[in-house]
């Protein structure tokens, strides 16, 4: 009988201890301690520091700032500690600019121009560290990703292969996949409940060899700055 009572008391003690730990954990828990879903919209501007961009801006109008355009994306934060976690994400960018020859015009004195499009999308993984547990929480992170890119030029060009220098309509394309590295810094501002607003800056390092219609034109720099703001659902 004493052995059975001891067993019952031991079981009760275990359940009481587990209940106390659970209550304590619930008392200390805050939204975001387990993770978050984040959605953002911002601007991305390529650095454009490579052979392709140098030759393009030597022959045509335009600058890197002309390719500044919207970027949007989503992240999933998986907490591995109270202040740190793994950030998995995806983003999309589609920048366009009209470029014209600097030193040439057509017979009527009009620009000979084409549309240049740079398309980027990536899948990334980073480690992020958050500082403090106040209303405004700064954070830093760094990671790697797989970047899909496409470059397209479509419009009017001069055919320098003929002595008459005819103006032709043409479409040129290059695309591939490469690795990227990036760093990020931001502020997470708690709005109450499970929601927060965040403002974030990123810098991406990436480049690749041009191919297809641009084979022989060297490398293309895919690096750039990104500034974005978004909402985070914390759980």
Protein backbone atom coordinates (compact mmCIF):
# COMPACT_ATOMS: atom_id res chain seq x y z
CA UNK A 1 0.00 0.00 0.00
CA UNK A 2 2.81 2.40 0.91
CA UNK A 3 4.54 1.62 -2.41
CA UNK A 4 1.35 2.42 -4.34
CA UNK A 5 0.86 5.69 -2.42
CA UNK A 6 4.46 6.62 -3.12
CA UNK A 7 3.95 5.98 -6.81
CA UNK A 8 0.73 8.02 -6.84
CA UNK A 9 2.42 10.87 -4.99
CA UNK A 10 5.39 10.73 -7.40
CA UNK A 11 3.06 10.89 -10.42
CA UNK A 12 1.13 13.80 -8.88
CA UNK A 13 4.39 15.62 -8.14
CA UNK A 14 5.53 15.19 -11.75
CA UNK A 15 2.24 16.59 -13.08
CA UNK A 16 2.37 19.51 -10.66
CA UNK A 17 5.93 20.28 -11.71
CA UNK A 18 5.01 20.13 -15.40
CA UNK A 19 2.02 22.36 -14.76
CA UNK A 20 4.20 24.90 -12.95
CA UNK A 21 6.75 24.91 -15.76
CA UNK A 22 4.01 25.33 -18.36
CA UNK A 23 2.44 28.20 -16.47
CA UNK A 24 5.82 29.86 -16.07
CA UNK A 25 6.56 29.43 -19.76
CA UNK A 26 3.19 30.90 -20.70
CA UNK A 27 3.78 33.81 -18.38
CA UNK A 28 7.10 34.65 -20.06
CA UNK A 29 6.05 33.91 -23.63
CA UNK A 30 5.76 36.80 -26.06
CA UNK A 31 4.56 36.80 -29.70
CA UNK A 32 7.58 36.15 -31.86
CA UNK A 33 9.37 33.80 -29.45
CA UNK A 34 8.71 30.86 -31.77
CA UNK A 35 8.87 32.59 -35.15
CA UNK A 36 7.20 34.93 -37.61
CA UNK A 37 5.84 35.28 -41.13
CA UNK A 38 7.04 38.49 -42.80
CA UNK A 39 5.89 40.25 -45.98
CA UNK A 40 7.59 43.32 -47.45
CA UNK A 41 7.63 45.80 -50.33
CA UNK A 42 10.53 48.06 -51.21
CA UNK A 43 13.01 49.31 -53.80
CA UNK A 44 16.09 47.62 -55.26
CA UNK A 45 18.84 49.41 -57.20
CA UNK A 46 21.67 47.48 -58.90
CA UNK A 47 25.27 48.62 -58.40
CA UNK A 48 26.01 47.86 -62.09
CA UNK A 49 29.79 47.64 -61.65
CA UNK A 50 31.01 45.19 -64.31
CA UNK A 51 32.13 44.97 -67.94
CA UNK A 52 28.60 44.70 -69.35
CA UNK A 53 27.27 47.73 -67.48
CA UNK A 54 30.38 49.83 -68.21
CA UNK A 55 30.12 49.19 -71.94
CA UNK A 56 26.36 49.74 -71.91
CA UNK A 57 26.59 53.15 -70.25
CA UNK A 58 29.49 54.14 -72.53
CA UNK A 59 27.36 53.54 -75.62
CA UNK A 60 23.83 54.28 -74.40
CA UNK A 61 22.03 56.72 -72.13
CA UNK A 62 21.15 55.73 -68.61
CA UNK A 63 22.66 55.00 -65.21
CA UNK A 64 22.17 52.41 -62.44
CA UNK A 65 19.54 54.60 -60.78
CA UNK A 66 17.32 54.19 -63.88
CA UNK A 67 16.94 50.52 -62.94
CA UNK A 68 15.66 51.25 -59.45
CA UNK A 69 12.33 49.45 -59.16
CA UNK A 70 10.01 47.66 -56.78
CA UNK A 71 11.05 44.50 -54.97
CA UNK A 72 8.65 42.38 -52.94
CA UNK A 73 9.16 39.26 -50.91
CA UNK A 74 8.23 37.03 -47.99
CA UNK A 75 10.22 35.46 -45.16
CA UNK A 76 9.70 32.79 -42.53
CA UNK A 77 11.61 33.25 -39.27
CA UNK A 78 12.27 30.08 -37.26
CA UNK A 79 13.53 30.93 -33.80
CA UNK A 80 16.43 28.82 -32.58
CA UNK A 81 16.99 30.90 -29.44
CA UNK A 82 15.35 33.76 -27.57
CA UNK A 83 17.02 36.40 -29.74
CA UNK A 84 18.23 34.50 -32.82
CA UNK A 85 16.84 32.39 -35.59
CA UNK A 86 16.97 31.19 -39.18
CA UNK A 87 15.32 33.36 -41.81
CA UNK A 88 14.13 31.65 -45.02
CA UNK A 89 12.84 33.86 -47.80
CA UNK A 90 12.12 34.64 -51.43
CA UNK A 91 12.08 37.94 -53.32
CA UNK A 92 11.19 39.22 -56.80
CA UNK A 93 12.48 42.23 -58.78
CA UNK A 94 11.80 43.39 -62.36
CA UNK A 95 13.65 46.56 -63.34
CA UNK A 96 13.26 48.31 -66.72
CA UNK A 97 14.86 51.32 -68.41
CA UNK A 98 14.75 52.77 -71.93
CA UNK A 99 18.22 53.41 -73.38
CA UNK A 100 19.23 55.29 -76.53
CA UNK A 101 22.52 55.62 -78.43
CA UNK A 102 24.62 58.52 -77.15
CA UNK A 103 26.27 59.33 -80.50
CA UNK A 104 23.73 58.18 -83.07
CA UNK A 105 20.22 59.15 -84.19
CA UNK A 106 18.07 58.03 -87.11
CA UNK A 107 17.65 59.90 -90.42
CA UNK A 108 14.95 62.09 -88.87
CA UNK A 109 17.08 63.00 -85.87
CA UNK A 110 15.15 60.79 -83.46
CA UNK A 111 16.65 58.60 -80.78
CA UNK A 112 17.45 54.98 -81.61
CA UNK A 113 16.32 53.29 -78.43
CA UNK A 114 15.59 49.94 -76.84
CA UNK A 115 14.17 48.63 -73.57
CA UNK A 116 16.57 46.92 -71.15
CA UNK A 117 15.03 44.60 -68.54
CA UNK A 118 16.77 43.00 -65.57
CA UNK A 119 14.75 40.30 -63.77
CA UNK A 120 15.89 38.79 -60.46
CA UNK A 121 14.33 36.26 -58.09
CA UNK A 122 15.96 34.36 -55.27
CA UNK A 123 15.61 31.83 -52.47
CA UNK A 124 17.64 32.67 -49.38
CA UNK A 125 18.61 31.45 -45.92
CA UNK A 126 20.15 33.68 -43.25
CA UNK A 127 20.85 33.81 -39.54
CA UNK A 128 19.26 36.81 -37.81
CA UNK A 129 19.97 38.21 -34.34
CA UNK A 130 17.52 40.55 -32.60
CA UNK A 131 18.57 42.90 -29.80
CA UNK A 132 16.31 43.60 -26.84
CA UNK A 133 12.67 42.84 -26.12
CA UNK A 134 11.23 46.36 -26.19
CA UNK A 135 8.74 47.98 -28.55
CA UNK A 136 11.51 48.84 -31.02
CA UNK A 137 13.91 45.95 -31.64
CA UNK A 138 16.95 46.33 -33.93
CA UNK A 139 18.30 43.27 -35.72
CA UNK A 140 21.18 42.15 -37.93
CA UNK A 141 21.65 39.17 -40.21
CA UNK A 142 23.68 37.58 -42.99
CA UNK A 143 23.13 34.68 -45.34
CA UNK A 144 23.38 33.01 -48.73
CA UNK A 145 20.96 32.39 -51.55
CA UNK A 146 20.32 31.00 -54.99
CA UNK A 147 19.65 33.77 -57.54
CA UNK A 148 17.85 33.36 -60.87
CA UNK A 149 18.42 36.24 -63.29
CA UNK A 150 17.50 37.29 -66.80
CA UNK A 151 18.77 40.18 -68.91
CA UNK A 152 16.86 41.28 -72.02
CA UNK A 153 17.40 44.08 -74.54
CA UNK A 154 14.61 44.62 -77.07
CA UNK A 155 14.12 47.45 -79.55
CA UNK A 156 16.02 49.33 -82.27
CA UNK A 157 19.74 48.83 -82.83
CA UNK A 158 22.31 49.84 -85.45
CA UNK A 159 23.74 46.91 -87.38
CA UNK A 160 27.44 47.82 -87.45
CA UNK A 161 28.15 44.68 -89.48
CA UNK A 162 26.94 46.40 -92.65
CA UNK A 163 28.49 49.46 -94.27
CA UNK A 164 25.07 51.11 -94.64
CA UNK A 165 24.57 50.90 -90.85
CA UNK A 166 20.89 49.91 -91.09
CA UNK A 167 18.60 50.23 -88.07
CA UNK A 168 17.09 46.89 -87.16
CA UNK A 169 14.62 45.63 -84.58
CA UNK A 170 16.16 42.90 -82.41
CA UNK A 171 15.76 41.08 -79.11
CA UNK A 172 18.76 39.84 -77.10
CA UNK A 173 18.65 37.69 -73.99
CA UNK A 174 20.85 36.08 -71.34
CA UNK A 175 19.79 34.13 -68.24
CA UNK A 176 21.26 31.80 -65.66
CA UNK A 177 21.45 30.90 -61.97
CA UNK A 178 24.19 31.92 -59.55
CA UNK A 179 24.98 32.15 -55.83
CA UNK A 180 24.54 35.30 -53.79
CA UNK A 181 25.62 36.52 -50.36
CA UNK A 182 23.83 39.27 -48.48
CA UNK A 183 23.73 41.23 -45.23
CA UNK A 184 20.71 42.87 -43.63
CA UNK A 185 19.90 45.30 -40.83
CA UNK A 186 16.55 46.54 -39.64
CA UNK A 187 14.13 47.67 -36.95
CA UNK A 188 11.10 45.66 -35.80
CA UNK A 189 8.41 47.87 -34.23
CA UNK A 190 5.74 46.06 -32.21
CA UNK A 191 2.19 47.23 -32.95
CA UNK A 192 0.46 45.22 -30.25
CA UNK A 193 -0.86 41.67 -30.28
CA UNK A 194 0.96 39.47 -32.77
CA UNK A 195 1.68 42.14 -35.40
CA UNK A 196 4.70 44.33 -35.94
CA UNK A 197 6.03 46.65 -38.63
CA UNK A 198 9.62 46.38 -39.81
CA UNK A 199 11.93 48.56 -41.85
CA UNK A 200 14.95 46.81 -43.37
CA UNK A 201 17.97 47.42 -45.56
CA UNK A 202 19.87 44.73 -47.45
CA UNK A 203 22.96 44.56 -49.61
CA UNK A 204 23.42 41.70 -52.10
CA UNK A 205 26.71 40.49 -53.61
CA UNK A 206 26.32 38.50 -56.85
CA UNK A 207 27.72 38.30 -60.38
CA UNK A 208 27.70 35.86 -63.24
CA UNK A 209 29.09 35.25 -66.73
CA UNK A 210 26.91 36.43 -69.60
CA UNK A 211 25.70 33.80 -72.07
CA UNK A 212 23.36 33.24 -75.04
CA UNK A 213 23.10 36.43 -77.13
CA UNK A 214 25.52 38.24 -74.79
CA UNK A 215 28.23 35.57 -74.81
CA UNK A 216 31.64 37.21 -74.90
CA UNK A 217 30.45 40.40 -73.18
CA UNK A 218 32.11 39.40 -69.89
CA UNK A 219 30.41 39.41 -66.49
CA UNK A 220 27.27 41.10 -65.26
CA UNK A 221 27.14 42.56 -61.77
CA UNK A 222 23.90 41.62 -60.00
CA UNK A 223 24.76 43.24 -56.68
CA UNK A 224 22.65 46.03 -55.25
CA UNK A 225 20.96 47.88 -52.41
CA UNK A 226 17.47 47.11 -51.14
CA UNK A 227 15.30 49.19 -48.79
CA UNK A 228 11.93 47.79 -47.77
CA UNK A 229 9.16 47.94 -45.20
CA UNK A 230 6.63 45.30 -44.26
CA UNK A 231 4.42 43.56 -41.74
CA UNK A 232 5.32 40.64 -39.53
CA UNK A 233 2.89 38.15 -37.97
CA UNK A 234 4.58 36.84 -34.82
CA UNK A 235 3.76 33.56 -33.11
